[in-house]
N, C-alpha and C. Protein backbone atom coordinates (compact mmCIF):
# COMPACT_ATOMS: atom_id res chain seq x y z
N UNK A 1 111.40 116.60 126.50
CA UNK A 1 111.68 115.23 126.13
C UNK A 1 110.41 114.47 125.76
N UNK A 2 109.25 115.07 126.01
CA UNK A 2 108.01 114.39 125.64
C UNK A 2 107.85 114.31 124.13
N UNK A 3 108.52 115.19 123.41
CA UNK A 3 108.45 115.15 121.95
C UNK A 3 109.03 113.86 121.39
N UNK A 4 110.05 113.32 122.04
CA UNK A 4 110.67 112.08 121.56
C UNK A 4 109.78 110.86 121.78
N UNK A 5 108.71 111.01 122.52
CA UNK A 5 107.80 109.89 122.75
C UNK A 5 106.62 109.90 121.79
N UNK A 6 106.54 110.91 120.95
CA UNK A 6 105.47 110.97 119.96
C UNK A 6 105.73 109.95 118.86
N UNK A 7 104.72 109.19 118.45
CA UNK A 7 104.93 108.16 117.43
C UNK A 7 105.45 108.70 116.10
N UNK A 8 104.99 109.87 115.68
CA UNK A 8 105.43 110.40 114.39
C UNK A 8 106.91 110.80 114.44
N UNK A 9 107.35 111.29 115.58
CA UNK A 9 108.76 111.67 115.73
C UNK A 9 109.63 110.42 115.72
N UNK A 10 109.18 109.39 116.40
CA UNK A 10 109.93 108.12 116.39
C UNK A 10 110.00 107.57 114.97
N UNK A 11 108.88 107.64 114.25
CA UNK A 11 108.87 107.17 112.86
C UNK A 11 109.84 107.97 111.99
N UNK A 12 109.85 109.28 112.13
CA UNK A 12 110.75 110.11 111.33
C UNK A 12 112.21 109.83 111.65
N UNK A 13 112.52 109.59 112.91
CA UNK A 13 113.90 109.27 113.29
C UNK A 13 114.31 107.93 112.68
N UNK A 14 113.44 106.92 112.78
CA UNK A 14 113.76 105.61 112.22
C UNK A 14 113.85 105.67 110.70
N UNK A 15 113.01 106.46 110.07
CA UNK A 15 113.06 106.60 108.62
C UNK A 15 114.36 107.27 108.20
N UNK A 16 114.76 108.30 108.94
CA UNK A 16 116.01 108.99 108.62
C UNK A 16 117.21 108.06 108.77
N UNK A 17 117.16 107.17 109.75
CA UNK A 17 118.27 106.23 109.95
C UNK A 17 118.28 105.11 108.92
N UNK A 18 117.16 104.83 108.28
CA UNK A 18 117.10 103.72 107.33
C UNK A 18 117.22 104.13 105.87
N UNK A 19 117.10 105.40 105.56
CA UNK A 19 117.16 105.84 104.16
C UNK A 19 118.53 105.59 103.55
N UNK A 20 119.57 105.97 104.23
CA UNK A 20 120.92 105.83 103.66
C UNK A 20 121.29 104.36 103.41
N UNK A 21 121.07 103.44 104.37
CA UNK A 21 121.38 102.03 104.06
C UNK A 21 120.55 101.47 102.91
N UNK A 22 119.26 101.84 102.83
CA UNK A 22 118.44 101.36 101.72
C UNK A 22 118.92 101.91 100.38
N UNK A 23 119.38 103.16 100.37
CA UNK A 23 119.91 103.72 99.13
C UNK A 23 121.19 103.00 98.71
N UNK A 24 122.02 102.63 99.67
CA UNK A 24 123.25 101.89 99.36
C UNK A 24 122.93 100.50 98.82
N UNK A 25 121.95 99.83 99.43
CA UNK A 25 121.55 98.51 98.95
C UNK A 25 121.02 98.60 97.53
N UNK A 26 120.16 99.58 97.26
CA UNK A 26 119.61 99.75 95.93
C UNK A 26 120.70 100.09 94.92
N UNK A 27 121.64 100.90 95.32
CA UNK A 27 122.73 101.29 94.42
C UNK A 27 123.60 100.08 94.08
N UNK A 28 123.92 99.27 95.06
CA UNK A 28 124.75 98.08 94.80
C UNK A 28 124.01 97.04 93.99
N UNK A 29 122.69 97.02 94.10
CA UNK A 29 121.89 96.06 93.34
C UNK A 29 121.57 96.56 91.94
N UNK A 30 121.98 97.79 91.63
CA UNK A 30 121.71 98.34 90.31
C UNK A 30 120.27 98.82 90.16
N UNK A 31 119.64 99.15 91.24
CA UNK A 31 118.25 99.59 91.23
C UNK A 31 118.18 101.10 91.46
N UNK A 32 117.00 101.67 91.25
CA UNK A 32 116.79 103.09 91.50
C UNK A 32 116.84 103.37 92.99
N UNK A 33 117.33 104.55 93.34
CA UNK A 33 117.48 104.89 94.76
C UNK A 33 116.26 105.60 95.34
N UNK A 34 115.34 106.06 94.52
CA UNK A 34 114.22 106.87 95.02
C UNK A 34 113.27 106.12 95.94
N UNK A 35 113.06 104.78 95.81
CA UNK A 35 112.12 104.15 96.75
C UNK A 35 112.55 104.24 98.22
N UNK A 36 113.82 104.48 98.48
CA UNK A 36 114.26 104.61 99.86
C UNK A 36 113.60 105.81 100.53
N UNK A 37 113.28 106.84 99.77
CA UNK A 37 112.65 108.03 100.35
C UNK A 37 111.20 107.79 100.74
N UNK A 38 110.62 106.68 100.27
CA UNK A 38 109.26 106.34 100.67
C UNK A 38 109.17 105.96 102.15
N UNK A 39 110.31 105.72 102.77
CA UNK A 39 110.32 105.35 104.19
C UNK A 39 109.71 106.45 105.06
N UNK A 40 109.67 107.68 104.58
CA UNK A 40 109.12 108.77 105.37
C UNK A 40 107.58 108.79 105.38
N UNK A 41 106.94 107.99 104.53
CA UNK A 41 105.48 107.92 104.55
C UNK A 41 105.04 106.96 105.66
N UNK A 42 104.29 107.44 106.61
CA UNK A 42 103.86 106.56 107.70
C UNK A 42 102.99 105.41 107.21
N UNK A 43 103.15 104.26 107.79
CA UNK A 43 102.40 103.02 107.56
C UNK A 43 102.64 102.38 106.19
N UNK A 44 102.52 103.11 105.11
CA UNK A 44 102.65 102.49 103.79
C UNK A 44 104.04 102.59 103.20
N UNK A 45 104.84 103.52 103.69
CA UNK A 45 106.16 103.75 103.12
C UNK A 45 107.14 102.59 103.25
N UNK A 46 107.37 102.08 104.47
CA UNK A 46 108.33 100.98 104.60
C UNK A 46 107.95 99.73 103.81
N UNK A 47 106.70 99.24 103.89
CA UNK A 47 106.39 98.05 103.07
C UNK A 47 106.48 98.32 101.58
N UNK A 48 106.10 99.52 101.16
CA UNK A 48 106.16 99.86 99.74
C UNK A 48 107.60 99.95 99.25
N UNK A 49 108.46 100.56 100.04
CA UNK A 49 109.87 100.69 99.65
C UNK A 49 110.54 99.32 99.54
N UNK A 50 110.29 98.46 100.51
CA UNK A 50 110.89 97.13 100.49
C UNK A 50 110.31 96.30 99.34
N UNK A 51 109.01 96.43 99.09
CA UNK A 51 108.39 95.70 97.99
C UNK A 51 108.97 96.12 96.65
N UNK A 52 109.16 97.41 96.45
CA UNK A 52 109.73 97.87 95.19
C UNK A 52 111.17 97.40 95.01
N UNK A 53 111.90 97.29 96.10
CA UNK A 53 113.28 96.81 96.03
C UNK A 53 113.31 95.31 95.73
N UNK A 54 112.45 94.55 96.36
CA UNK A 54 112.50 93.10 96.24
C UNK A 54 111.85 92.60 94.96
N UNK A 55 110.71 93.17 94.58
CA UNK A 55 109.93 92.63 93.48
C UNK A 55 110.38 93.09 92.10
N UNK A 56 111.28 94.03 92.01
CA UNK A 56 111.72 94.52 90.72
C UNK A 56 112.67 93.55 90.03
N UNK A 57 112.97 93.82 88.77
CA UNK A 57 113.89 92.97 88.02
C UNK A 57 115.32 93.23 88.48
N UNK A 58 116.02 92.17 88.82
CA UNK A 58 117.40 92.26 89.27
C UNK A 58 118.31 91.92 88.10
N UNK A 59 119.51 92.50 88.08
CA UNK A 59 120.43 92.16 86.99
C UNK A 59 120.86 90.70 87.09
N UNK A 60 121.06 90.08 85.93
CA UNK A 60 121.49 88.68 85.91
C UNK A 60 122.98 88.58 86.16
N UNK A 61 123.35 87.59 86.92
CA UNK A 61 124.76 87.30 87.17
C UNK A 61 125.21 86.18 86.24
N UNK A 62 126.48 86.15 85.89
CA UNK A 62 126.94 85.05 85.05
C UNK A 62 126.83 83.72 85.80
N UNK A 63 126.71 82.63 85.04
CA UNK A 63 126.62 81.31 85.66
C UNK A 63 127.91 81.00 86.40
N UNK A 64 127.80 80.35 87.55
CA UNK A 64 129.02 79.99 88.29
C UNK A 64 129.78 78.89 87.53
N UNK A 65 131.08 78.81 87.74
CA UNK A 65 131.83 77.75 87.06
C UNK A 65 131.37 76.39 87.54
N UNK A 66 131.52 75.36 86.71
CA UNK A 66 131.07 74.03 87.14
C UNK A 66 131.90 73.54 88.33
N UNK A 67 131.23 72.82 89.20
CA UNK A 67 131.90 72.30 90.39
C UNK A 67 132.83 71.16 89.99
N UNK A 68 133.97 71.10 90.68
CA UNK A 68 134.95 70.05 90.43
C UNK A 68 134.91 69.10 91.61
N UNK A 69 134.76 67.80 91.29
CA UNK A 69 134.73 66.79 92.34
C UNK A 69 136.13 66.69 92.95
N UNK A 70 136.25 66.68 94.28
CA UNK A 70 137.58 66.71 94.90
C UNK A 70 138.43 65.46 94.62
N UNK A 71 137.82 64.30 94.42
CA UNK A 71 138.60 63.09 94.20
C UNK A 71 138.93 62.81 92.75
N UNK A 72 137.93 63.03 91.88
CA UNK A 72 138.14 62.67 90.47
C UNK A 72 138.71 63.84 89.67
N UNK A 73 138.49 65.05 90.12
CA UNK A 73 138.98 66.21 89.37
C UNK A 73 138.10 66.56 88.19
N UNK A 74 136.90 65.95 88.08
CA UNK A 74 135.99 66.27 86.99
C UNK A 74 134.79 67.05 87.50
């Protein structure tokens, strides 16, 4: 059980648990899924993967419909 207390093993377990959700987020956002695999790089992987997900160009959504005032109906 001492192996589970090693920092690299803890990192690999956490990376394995976070790759699938990050791939799903990237897929739903229309982004590439490969940055999720950067989570396995110690120290630089998680910040780099999140930065690539956040800082990239996101698809544009259509403008929301204009708001209607509840009393006037305009």
